[in-house]
PDB file of all heavy atoms in Angstrom:
ATOM      1  N   LEU A   1     106.887 106.656  97.144  1.00  0.00           N
ATOM      2  CA  LEU A   1     105.926 107.712  97.572  1.00  0.00           C
ATOM      3  C   LEU A   1     105.655 107.729  99.051  1.00  0.00           C
ATOM      4  O   LEU A   1     105.274 108.748  99.625  1.00  0.00           O
ATOM      5  CB  LEU A   1     104.693 107.652  96.725  1.00  0.00           C
ATOM      6  CG  LEU A   1     103.616 108.765  96.959  1.00  0.00           C
ATOM      7  CD1 LEU A   1     104.289 110.098  96.618  1.00  0.00           C
ATOM      8  CD2 LEU A   1     102.383 108.546  96.008  1.00  0.00           C
ATOM      9  N   ILE A   2     105.774 106.551  99.637  1.00  0.00           N
ATOM     10  CA  ILE A   2     105.439 106.397 101.061  1.00  0.00           C
ATOM     11  C   ILE A   2     106.702 106.929 101.948  1.00  0.00           C
ATOM     12  O   ILE A   2     106.507 107.216 103.097  1.00  0.00           O
ATOM     13  CB  ILE A   2     105.155 104.916 101.420  1.00  0.00           C
ATOM     14  CG1 ILE A   2     103.926 104.562 100.700  1.00  0.00           C
ATOM     15  CG2 ILE A   2     104.916 104.788 102.950  1.00  0.00           C
ATOM     16  CD1 ILE A   2     102.639 105.397 100.959  1.00  0.00           C
ATOM     17  N   ASP A   3     107.853 107.012 101.375  1.00  0.00           N
ATOM     18  CA  ASP A   3     109.125 107.339 102.065  1.00  0.00           C
ATOM     19  C   ASP A   3     109.416 108.809 101.936  1.00  0.00           C
ATOM     20  O   ASP A   3     109.756 109.292 100.886  1.00  0.00           O
ATOM     21  CB  ASP A   3     110.255 106.472 101.562  1.00  0.00           C
ATOM     22  CG  ASP A   3     111.559 106.749 102.287  1.00  0.00           C
ATOM     23  OD1 ASP A   3     111.615 106.583 103.563  1.00  0.00           O
ATOM     24  OD2 ASP A   3     112.503 107.105 101.605  1.00  0.00           O
ATOM     25  N   ALA A   4     109.317 109.522 102.972  1.00  0.00           N
ATOM     26  CA  ALA A   4     109.475 110.908 103.039  1.00  0.00           C
ATOM     27  C   ALA A   4     110.919 111.360 102.488  1.00  0.00           C
ATOM     28  O   ALA A   4     111.028 112.283 101.739  1.00  0.00           O
ATOM     29  CB  ALA A   4     109.337 111.541 104.401  1.00  0.00           C
ATOM     30  N   ARG A   5     111.960 110.647 102.796  1.00  0.00           N
ATOM     31  CA  ARG A   5     113.283 111.052 102.451  1.00  0.00           C
ATOM     32  C   ARG A   5     113.480 110.879 100.878  1.00  0.00           C
ATOM     33  O   ARG A   5     114.070 111.732 100.238  1.00  0.00           O
ATOM     34  CB  ARG A   5     114.352 110.161 103.212  1.00  0.00           C
ATOM     35  CG  ARG A   5     115.747 110.550 102.855  1.00  0.00           C
ATOM     36  CD  ARG A   5     116.751 109.795 103.647  1.00  0.00           C
ATOM     37  NE  ARG A   5     116.530 110.085 105.165  1.00  0.00           N
ATOM     38  CZ  ARG A   5     117.251 109.522 106.127  1.00  0.00           C
ATOM     39  NH1 ARG A   5     118.237 108.627 105.774  1.00  0.00           N
ATOM     40  NH2 ARG A   5     117.035 109.795 107.392  1.00  0.00           N
ATOM     41  N   SER A   6     113.040 109.704 100.389  1.00  0.00           N
ATOM     42  CA  SER A   6     113.298 109.440  98.828  1.00  0.00           C
ATOM     43  C   SER A   6     112.415 110.452  98.152  1.00  0.00           C
ATOM     44  O   SER A   6     112.825 110.794  97.060  1.00  0.00           O
ATOM     45  CB  SER A   6     112.981 108.012  98.523  1.00  0.00           C
ATOM     46  OG  SER A   6     111.555 107.870  98.578  1.00  0.00           O
ATOM     47  N   VAL A   7     111.237 110.887  98.657  1.00  0.00           N
ATOM     48  CA  VAL A   7     110.486 111.844  97.895  1.00  0.00           C
ATOM     49  C   VAL A   7     111.057 113.208  97.899  1.00  0.00           C
ATOM     50  O   VAL A   7     111.243 113.943  96.876  1.00  0.00           O
ATOM     51  CB  VAL A   7     108.958 111.964  98.435  1.00  0.00           C
ATOM     52  CG1 VAL A   7     108.192 113.116  97.795  1.00  0.00           C
ATOM     53  CG2 VAL A   7     108.272 110.575  98.065  1.00  0.00           C
ATOM     54  N   ALA A   8     111.523 113.622  99.139  1.00  0.00           N
ATOM     55  CA  ALA A   8     112.164 114.981  99.281  1.00  0.00           C
ATOM     56  C   ALA A   8     113.420 115.085  98.366  1.00  0.00           C
ATOM     57  O   ALA A   8     113.754 116.193  97.948  1.00  0.00           O
ATOM     58  CB  ALA A   8     112.451 115.243 100.788  1.00  0.00           C
ATOM     59  N   ALA A   9     114.055 113.963  98.117  1.00  0.00           N
ATOM     60  CA  ALA A   9     115.275 114.054  97.375  1.00  0.00           C
ATOM     61  C   ALA A   9     114.983 114.454  95.914  1.00  0.00           C
ATOM     62  O   ALA A   9     115.949 114.880  95.235  1.00  0.00           O
ATOM     63  CB  ALA A   9     116.007 112.691  97.403  1.00  0.00           C
ATOM     64  N   GLN A  10     113.782 114.317  95.483  1.00  0.00           N
ATOM     65  CA  GLN A  10     113.498 114.624  94.088  1.00  0.00           C
ATOM     66  C   GLN A  10     113.287 116.127  93.875  1.00  0.00           C
ATOM     67  O   GLN A  10     113.208 116.616  92.698  1.00  0.00           O
ATOM     68  CB  GLN A  10     112.236 113.798  93.665  1.00  0.00           C
ATOM     69  CG  GLN A  10     112.180 112.375  93.903  1.00  0.00           C
ATOM     70  CD  GLN A  10     113.436 111.693  93.470  1.00  0.00           C
ATOM     71  OE1 GLN A  10     113.891 111.818  92.400  1.00  0.00           O
ATOM     72  NE2 GLN A  10     113.892 110.752  94.366  1.00  0.00           N
ATOM     73  N   GLY A  11     113.053 116.874  94.947  1.00  0.00           N
ATOM     74  CA  GLY A  11     112.811 118.289  94.818  1.00  0.00           C
ATOM     75  C   GLY A  11     111.396 118.611  94.520  1.00  0.00           C
ATOM     76  O   GLY A  11     110.472 117.716  94.766  1.00  0.00           O
ATOM     77  N   ARG A  12     111.021 119.806  94.091  1.00  0.00           N
ATOM     78  CA  ARG A  12     109.707 120.224  93.868  1.00  0.00           C
ATOM     79  C   ARG A  12     109.385 120.315  92.382  1.00  0.00           C
ATOM     80  O   ARG A  12     110.369 120.541  91.572  1.00  0.00           O
ATOM     81  CB  ARG A  12     109.377 121.579  94.509  1.00  0.00           C
ATOM     82  CG  ARG A  12     109.077 121.392  96.006  1.00  0.00           C
ATOM     83  CD  ARG A  12     108.542 122.688  96.524  1.00  0.00           C
ATOM     84  NE  ARG A  12     108.003 122.600  97.889  1.00  0.00           N
ATOM     85  CZ  ARG A  12     107.431 123.506  98.636  1.00  0.00           C
ATOM     86  NH1 ARG A  12     107.257 124.647  98.037  1.00  0.00           N
ATOM     87  NH2 ARG A  12     107.040 123.327  99.815  1.00  0.00           N
ATOM     88  N   PHE A  13     108.204 120.154  92.044  1.00  0.00           N
ATOM     89  CA  PHE A  13     107.758 120.076  90.596  1.00  0.00           C
ATOM     90  C   PHE A  13     106.575 121.042  90.318  1.00  0.00           C
ATOM     91  O   PHE A  13     105.788 121.384  91.203  1.00  0.00           O
ATOM     92  CB  PHE A  13     107.372 118.655  90.224  1.00  0.00           C
ATOM     93  CG  PHE A  13     108.468 117.693  90.368  1.00  0.00           C
ATOM     94  CD1 PHE A  13     108.812 117.114  91.600  1.00  0.00           C
ATOM     95  CD2 PHE A  13     109.251 117.309  89.275  1.00  0.00           C
ATOM     96  CE1 PHE A  13     109.896 116.106  91.701  1.00  0.00           C
ATOM     97  CE2 PHE A  13     110.388 116.462  89.351  1.00  0.00           C
ATOM     98  CZ  PHE A  13     110.598 115.868  90.603  1.00  0.00           C
ATOM     99  N   ASP A  14     106.399 121.344  89.114  1.00  0.00           N
ATOM    100  CA  ASP A  14     105.293 122.146  88.571  1.00  0.00           C
ATOM    101  C   ASP A  14     104.118 121.287  88.157  1.00  0.00           C
ATOM    102  O   ASP A  14     102.959 121.719  88.265  1.00  0.00           O
ATOM    103  CB  ASP A  14     105.732 123.006  87.376  1.00  0.00           C
ATOM    104  CG  ASP A  14     106.856 123.973  87.732  1.00  0.00           C
ATOM    105  OD1 ASP A  14     106.635 124.826  88.565  1.00  0.00           O
ATOM    106  OD2 ASP A  14     107.971 123.769  87.248  1.00  0.00           O
ATOM    107  N   VAL A  15     104.450 120.002  87.719  1.00  0.00           N
ATOM    108  CA  VAL A  15     103.407 119.097  87.287  1.00  0.00           C
ATOM    109  C   VAL A  15     103.798 117.745  87.778  1.00  0.00           C
ATOM    110  O   VAL A  15     105.026 117.284  87.584  1.00  0.00           O
ATOM    111  CB  VAL A  15     103.083 119.070  85.775  1.00  0.00           C
ATOM    112  CG1 VAL A  15     101.938 118.192  85.398  1.00  0.00           C
ATOM    113  CG2 VAL A  15     102.983 120.429  85.304  1.00  0.00           C
ATOM    114  N   ILE A  16     102.862 116.934  88.403  1.00  0.00           N
ATOM    115  CA  ILE A  16     103.135 115.546  88.744  1.00  0.00           C
ATOM    116  C   ILE A  16     102.063 114.632  88.204  1.00  0.00           C
ATOM    117  O   ILE A  16     100.851 114.995  88.259  1.00  0.00           O
ATOM    118  CB  ILE A  16     103.051 115.403  90.240  1.00  0.00           C
ATOM    119  CG1 ILE A  16     104.135 116.202  90.912  1.00  0.00           C
ATOM    120  CG2 ILE A  16     103.185 113.920  90.736  1.00  0.00           C
ATOM    121  CD1 ILE A  16     104.136 116.132  92.493  1.00  0.00           C
ATOM    122  N   PHE A  17     102.525 113.679  87.480  1.00  0.00           N
ATOM    123  CA  PHE A  17     101.638 112.674  87.031  1.00  0.00           C
ATOM    124  C   PHE A  17     101.829 111.336  87.977  1.00  0.00           C
ATOM    125  O   PHE A  17     102.928 110.755  88.046  1.00  0.00           O
ATOM    126  CB  PHE A  17     101.993 112.089  85.582  1.00  0.00           C
ATOM    127  CG  PHE A  17     101.664 113.015  84.548  1.00  0.00           C
ATOM    128  CD1 PHE A  17     102.482 114.127  84.219  1.00  0.00           C
ATOM    129  CD2 PHE A  17     100.529 112.967  83.831  1.00  0.00           C
ATOM    130  CE1 PHE A  17     102.125 115.072  83.247  1.00  0.00           C
ATOM    131  CE2 PHE A  17     100.109 113.829  82.838  1.00  0.00           C
ATOM    132  CZ  PHE A  17     100.891 114.903  82.483  1.00  0.00           C
ATOM    133  N   CYS A  18     100.751 111.041  88.751  1.00  0.00           N
ATOM    134  CA  CYS A  18     100.758 109.967  89.721  1.00  0.00           C
ATOM    135  C   CYS A  18      99.552 109.234  89.390  1.00  0.00           C
ATOM    136  O   CYS A  18      98.494 109.339  90.061  1.00  0.00           O
ATOM    137  CB  CYS A  18     100.808 110.407  91.125  1.00  0.00           C
ATOM    138  SG  CYS A  18     100.962 109.137  92.323  1.00  0.00           S
ATOM    139  N   ARG A  19      99.552 108.308  88.419  1.00  0.00           N
ATOM    140  CA  ARG A  19      98.322 107.675  87.862  1.00  0.00           C
ATOM    141  C   ARG A  19      98.316 106.206  88.212  1.00  0.00           C
ATOM    142  O   ARG A  19      99.274 105.380  88.095  1.00  0.00           O
ATOM    143  CB  ARG A  19      98.371 107.845  86.341  1.00  0.00           C
ATOM    144  CG  ARG A  19      98.341 109.289  86.004  1.00  0.00           C
ATOM    145  CD  ARG A  19      98.029 109.615  84.524  1.00  0.00           C
ATOM    146  NE  ARG A  19      99.080 109.133  83.494  1.00  0.00           N
ATOM    147  CZ  ARG A  19      99.095 109.474  82.242  1.00  0.00           C
ATOM    148  NH1 ARG A  19      98.245 110.378  81.802  1.00  0.00           N
ATOM    149  NH2 ARG A  19      99.929 109.031  81.521  1.00  0.00           N
ATOM    150  N   ASN A  20      97.140 105.814  88.670  1.00  0.00           N
ATOM    151  CA  ASN A  20      96.862 104.371  88.990  1.00  0.00           C
ATOM    152  C   ASN A  20      97.808 103.809  89.963  1.00  0.00           C
ATOM    153  O   ASN A  20      98.182 102.615  89.889  1.00  0.00           O
ATOM    154  CB  ASN A  20      96.855 103.619  87.626  1.00  0.00           C
ATOM    155  CG  ASN A  20      95.952 104.158  86.624  1.00  0.00           C
ATOM    156  OD1 ASN A  20      94.769 104.446  86.897  1.00  0.00           O
ATOM    157  ND2 ASN A  20      96.538 104.388  85.447  1.00  0.00           N
ATOM    158  N   LEU A  21      98.155 104.553  91.039  1.00  0.00           N
ATOM    159  CA  LEU A  21      98.940 104.004  92.060  1.00  0.00           C
ATOM    160  C   LEU A  21      98.068 104.114  93.422  1.00  0.00           C
ATOM    161  O   LEU A  21      98.027 103.070  94.156  1.00  0.00           O
ATOM    162  CB  LEU A  21     100.141 104.880  92.374  1.00  0.00           C
ATOM    163  CG  LEU A  21     100.988 104.510  93.629  1.00  0.00           C
ATOM    164  CD1 LEU A  21     101.622 103.158  93.537  1.00  0.00           C
ATOM    165  CD2 LEU A  21     102.125 105.578  93.787  1.00  0.00           C
ATOM    166  N   LEU A  22      97.242 105.097  93.753  1.00  0.00           N
ATOM    167  CA  LEU A  22      96.554 105.245  94.953  1.00  0.00           C
ATOM    168  C   LEU A  22      95.500 104.188  95.030  1.00  0.00           C
ATOM    169  O   LEU A  22      95.034 103.912  96.213  1.00  0.00           O
ATOM    170  CB  LEU A  22      96.023 106.608  95.040  1.00  0.00           C
ATOM    171  CG  LEU A  22      96.986 107.810  95.011  1.00  0.00           C
ATOM    172  CD1 LEU A  22      96.202 109.125  95.112  1.00  0.00           C
ATOM    173  CD2 LEU A  22      98.108 107.620  96.022  1.00  0.00           C
ATOM    174  N   ILE A  23      95.031 103.648  93.915  1.00  0.00           N
ATOM    175  CA  ILE A  23      94.077 102.529  94.024  1.00  0.00           C
ATOM    176  C   ILE A  23      94.515 101.327  94.725  1.00  0.00           C
ATOM    177  O   ILE A  23      93.664 100.453  95.210  1.00  0.00           O
ATOM    178  CB  ILE A  23      93.574 102.150  92.572  1.00  0.00           C
ATOM    179  CG1 ILE A  23      94.553 101.637  91.695  1.00  0.00           C
ATOM    180  CG2 ILE A  23      92.703 103.246  92.000  1.00  0.00           C
ATOM    181  CD1 ILE A  23      94.229 101.241  90.346  1.00  0.00           C
ATOM    182  N   TYR A  24      95.865 101.125  94.901  1.00  0.00           N
ATOM    183  CA  TYR A  24      96.422  99.925  95.647  1.00  0.00           C
ATOM    184  C   TYR A  24      96.606 100.281  97.028  1.00  0.00           C
ATOM    185  O   TYR A  24      97.141  99.400  97.790  1.00  0.00           O
ATOM    186  CB  TYR A  24      97.694  99.511  94.939  1.00  0.00           C
ATOM    187  CG  TYR A  24      97.445  99.150  93.527  1.00  0.00           C
ATOM    188  CD1 TYR A  24      97.819  99.947  92.388  1.00  0.00           C
ATOM    189  CD2 TYR A  24      96.834  97.841  93.173  1.00  0.00           C
ATOM    190  CE1 TYR A  24      97.639  99.540  91.069  1.00  0.00           C
ATOM    191  CE2 TYR A  24      96.606  97.578  91.891  1.00  0.00           C
ATOM    192  CZ  TYR A  24      97.071  98.354  90.825  1.00  0.00           C
ATOM    193  OH  TYR A  24      96.827  98.036  89.542  1.00  0.00           O
TER     194      TYR A  24
END
């Protein structure tokens, strides 16, 4: 998630589940 290139490679989404990561 911190790396722009690896995130952009996934494309765009309608729903994202990003649970219990930002607390770290």
